[in-house]
C-alpha atoms as a PDB file:
ATOM      1  CA  GLN A   1      -0.918 -11.215  -1.445  1.00  0.00           C
ATOM      2  CA  VAL A   2      -2.464  -8.288  -2.987  1.00  0.00           C
ATOM      3  CA  HIS A   3      -3.811  -8.622  -6.841  1.00  0.00           C
ATOM      4  CA  LEU A   4      -3.889  -5.851  -9.350  1.00  0.00           C
ATOM      5  CA  VAL A   5      -6.363  -5.591 -12.493  1.00  0.00           C
ATOM      6  CA  GLU A   6      -5.846  -2.764 -15.258  1.00  0.00           C
ATOM      7  CA  SER A   7      -8.419  -1.376 -17.435  1.00  0.00           C
ATOM      8  CA  GLY A   8      -9.345   1.116 -19.697  1.00  0.00           C
ATOM      9  CA  GLY A   9      -6.866   1.726 -22.416  1.00  0.00           C
ATOM     10  CA  GLY A  10      -6.991   1.845 -25.791  1.00  0.00           C
ATOM     11  CA  LEU A  11      -6.250   3.622 -28.958  1.00  0.00           C
ATOM     12  CA  VAL A  12      -6.676   7.420 -28.910  1.00  0.00           C
ATOM     13  CA  GLN A  13      -5.567  10.347 -31.304  1.00  0.00           C
ATOM     14  CA  ALA A  14      -3.608  13.422 -29.968  1.00  0.00           C
ATOM     15  CA  GLY A  15      -5.421  15.560 -27.808  1.00  0.00           C
ATOM     16  CA  GLY A  16      -8.097  13.116 -26.464  1.00  0.00           C
ATOM     17  CA  SER A  17      -8.319  11.614 -23.354  1.00  0.00           C
ATOM     18  CA  LEU A  18      -8.423   8.384 -22.014  1.00  0.00           C
ATOM     19  CA  ARG A  19      -9.435   7.104 -18.481  1.00  0.00           C
ATOM     20  CA  LEU A  20      -7.299   3.843 -16.687  1.00  0.00           C
ATOM     21  CA  SER A  21      -8.568   2.550 -13.551  1.00  0.00           C
ATOM     22  CA  CYS A  22      -7.293  -0.339 -11.483  1.00  0.00           C
ATOM     23  CA  ALA A  23      -8.837  -2.457  -8.929  1.00  0.00           C
ATOM     24  CA  ALA A  24      -7.246  -3.960  -5.902  1.00  0.00           C
ATOM     25  CA  SER A  25      -7.901  -7.204  -4.378  1.00  0.00           C
ATOM     26  CA  GLY A  26      -6.520  -9.393  -1.430  1.00  0.00           C
ATOM     27  CA  ARG A  27      -4.667  -7.882   1.135  1.00  0.00           C
ATOM     28  CA  THR A  28      -4.762  -4.416   0.888  1.00  0.00           C
ATOM     29  CA  PHE A  29      -5.206  -3.401   4.058  1.00  0.00           C
ATOM     30  CA  SER A  30      -1.924  -2.482   4.142  1.00  0.00           C
ATOM     31  CA  THR A  31      -2.004  -0.086   1.245  1.00  0.00           C
ATOM     32  CA  ILE A  32       0.571   3.091   1.433  1.00  0.00           C
ATOM     33  CA  ALA A  33      -0.182   4.547  -1.934  1.00  0.00           C
ATOM     34  CA  MET A  34      -1.155   3.066  -5.552  1.00  0.00           C
ATOM     35  CA  GLY A  35       0.448   4.561  -8.641  1.00  0.00           C
ATOM     36  CA  TRP A  36       0.655   4.416 -12.037  1.00  0.00           C
ATOM     37  CA  PHE A  37       4.085   4.062 -14.516  1.00  0.00           C
ATOM     38  CA  ARG A  38       4.682   3.436 -18.063  1.00  0.00           C
ATOM     39  CA  GLN A  39       7.155   1.693 -19.825  1.00  0.00           C
ATOM     40  CA  ALA A  40       7.238   2.562 -23.690  1.00  0.00           C
ATOM     41  CA  PRO A  41       9.099   0.338 -26.690  1.00  0.00           C
ATOM     42  CA  GLY A  42      13.046   0.252 -26.009  1.00  0.00           C
ATOM     43  CA  LYS A  43      12.754   2.776 -23.060  1.00  0.00           C
ATOM     44  CA  GLU A  44      13.384   2.632 -19.469  1.00  0.00           C
ATOM     45  CA  ARG A  45       9.754   2.444 -16.957  1.00  0.00           C
ATOM     46  CA  GLU A  46       9.040   6.050 -15.937  1.00  0.00           C
ATOM     47  CA  PHE A  47       6.776   6.898 -12.764  1.00  0.00           C
ATOM     48  CA  VAL A  48       3.699   8.807 -13.990  1.00  0.00           C
ATOM     49  CA  GLY A  49       2.188   9.770 -10.151  1.00  0.00           C
ATOM     50  CA  ASP A  50       0.721   8.241  -7.494  1.00  0.00           C
ATOM     51  CA  ILE A  51      -1.792   9.263  -4.613  1.00  0.00           C
ATOM     52  CA  ASN A  52      -1.326   8.361  -0.726  1.00  0.00           C
ATOM     53  CA  TRP A  53      -4.206   6.137   0.197  1.00  0.00           C
ATOM     54  CA  SER A  54      -4.848   7.743   3.678  1.00  0.00           C
ATOM     55  CA  HIS A  55      -5.118  11.341   2.779  1.00  0.00           C
ATOM     56  CA  GLY A  56      -4.984  11.720  -1.134  1.00  0.00           C
ATOM     57  CA  SER A  57      -1.924  13.466  -1.930  1.00  0.00           C
ATOM     58  CA  THR A  58      -0.745  13.201  -5.089  1.00  0.00           C
ATOM     59  CA  TYR A  59       2.530  13.367  -7.153  1.00  0.00           C
ATOM     60  CA  TYR A  60       3.545  13.324 -10.521  1.00  0.00           C
ATOM     61  CA  GLY A  61       6.101  12.869 -13.006  1.00  0.00           C
ATOM     62  CA  ASP A  62       6.910  15.723 -15.280  1.00  0.00           C
ATOM     63  CA  SER A  63       6.083  15.240 -18.300  1.00  0.00           C
ATOM     64  CA  VAL A  64       2.204  14.338 -17.336  1.00  0.00           C
ATOM     65  CA  LYS A  65       2.215  17.189 -14.918  1.00  0.00           C
ATOM     66  CA  GLY A  66      -1.194  19.463 -15.565  1.00  0.00           C
ATOM     67  CA  ARG A  67      -2.757  16.697 -17.824  1.00  0.00           C
ATOM     68  CA  PHE A  68      -2.876  14.020 -16.067  1.00  0.00           C
ATOM     69  CA  THR A  69      -5.089  13.088 -12.754  1.00  0.00           C
ATOM     70  CA  VAL A  70      -4.583  10.218 -10.451  1.00  0.00           C
ATOM     71  CA  SER A  71      -7.458   9.961  -7.991  1.00  0.00           C
ATOM     72  CA  LYS A  72      -8.844   7.137  -5.980  1.00  0.00           C
ATOM     73  CA  ASP A  73     -12.133   5.028  -4.520  1.00  0.00           C
ATOM     74  CA  ASN A  74     -11.059   3.846  -1.309  1.00  0.00           C
ATOM     75  CA  ALA A  75     -14.488   1.772  -0.883  1.00  0.00           C
ATOM     76  CA  LYS A  76     -13.583   0.172  -3.966  1.00  0.00           C
ATOM     77  CA  ASN A  77      -9.865  -0.134  -3.641  1.00  0.00           C
ATOM     78  CA  THR A  78      -9.566   1.552  -7.274  1.00  0.00           C
ATOM     79  CA  VAL A  79      -7.104   3.944  -8.116  1.00  0.00           C
ATOM     80  CA  TYR A  80      -8.003   6.114 -11.768  1.00  0.00           C
ATOM     81  CA  LEU A  81      -5.590   7.536 -14.169  1.00  0.00           C
ATOM     82  CA  GLN A  82      -7.499  10.883 -15.955  1.00  0.00           C
ATOM     83  CA  MET A  83      -5.438  11.026 -18.960  1.00  0.00           C
ATOM     84  CA  ASN A  84      -6.203  14.118 -20.838  1.00  0.00           C
ATOM     85  CA  SER A  85      -4.229  16.473 -23.505  1.00  0.00           C
ATOM     86  CA  LEU A  86      -2.851  13.060 -25.045  1.00  0.00           C
ATOM     87  CA  LYS A  87       0.031  13.147 -26.944  1.00  0.00           C
ATOM     88  CA  PRO A  88       1.965  10.357 -29.593  1.00  0.00           C
ATOM     89  CA  GLU A  89       4.933  10.118 -26.847  1.00  0.00           C
ATOM     90  CA  ASP A  90       2.469   9.304 -23.974  1.00  0.00           C
ATOM     91  CA  THR A  91       2.449   5.939 -26.043  1.00  0.00           C
ATOM     92  CA  ALA A  92       2.991   3.152 -23.700  1.00  0.00           C
ATOM     93  CA  VAL A  93       2.001   0.257 -21.304  1.00  0.00           C
ATOM     94  CA  TYR A  94       0.342   1.835 -18.608  1.00  0.00           C
ATOM     95  CA  TYR A  95       1.757  -0.391 -14.949  1.00  0.00           C
ATOM     96  CA  CYS A  96      -0.687   0.023 -12.024  1.00  0.00           C
ATOM     97  CA  ALA A  97       1.042  -0.586  -8.802  1.00  0.00           C
ATOM     98  CA  LEU A  98       0.789  -0.624  -4.935  1.00  0.00           C
ATOM     99  CA  ARG A  99       3.118   0.151  -2.105  1.00  0.00           C
ATOM    100  CA  VAL A 100       2.724  -0.912   1.616  1.00  0.00           C
ATOM    101  CA  GLY A 101       6.087   0.411   2.646  1.00  0.00           C
ATOM    102  CA  ALA A 102       7.780   3.672   2.329  1.00  0.00           C
ATOM    103  CA  TYR A 103       9.572   3.589  -1.439  1.00  0.00           C
ATOM    104  CA  LYS A 104       9.228   0.481  -3.077  1.00  0.00           C
ATOM    105  CA  TYR A 105       5.963  -0.422  -5.310  1.00  0.00           C
ATOM    106  CA  ASP A 106       5.523  -3.635  -4.176  1.00  0.00           C
ATOM    107  CA  TYR A 107       2.915  -5.080  -6.063  1.00  0.00           C
ATOM    108  CA  TRP A 108       1.897  -4.446  -9.854  1.00  0.00           C
ATOM    109  CA  GLY A 109      -0.755  -5.225 -12.569  1.00  0.00           C
ATOM    110  CA  GLN A 110      -0.155  -6.883 -15.954  1.00  0.00           C
ATOM    111  CA  GLY A 111      -0.074  -3.420 -17.818  1.00  0.00           C
ATOM    112  CA  THR A 112      -2.517  -1.633 -20.518  1.00  0.00           C
ATOM    113  CA  GLN A 113      -1.469  -0.312 -23.780  1.00  0.00           C
ATOM    114  CA  VAL A 114      -2.158   3.081 -24.496  1.00  0.00           C
ATOM    115  CA  THR A 115      -1.492   4.090 -28.112  1.00  0.00           C
ATOM    116  CA  VAL A 116      -1.952   7.862 -28.815  1.00  0.00           C
ATOM    117  CA  SER A 117      -2.191   8.297 -32.852  1.00  0.00           C
ATOM    118  CA  SER A 118      -0.896  11.740 -34.189  1.00  0.00           C
END
């Protein structure tokens, strides 16, 4: 099993920045990628971005490209989400996830709330 714990959420004004962290523990040796998703009230879960655990390549959802950056620290089994130029529409619960296979994310964190005020 893998356990994921997010931190760093909070309230920020539009145009501001936040950095989320997600620490993985347990059987992490099979990690292929770690990523971030978000879900706003009344909306479906949305892919934000992810990072390949071996070679560090990243991929982003269209709504956050150029504003958000996913990075990692392999030694700490931690993935980060740097969010800049935040907009009110970025308000959501942000979830960290870990993938051990080709496509489906297998493990999820409990989520952390990000609220952007206008």
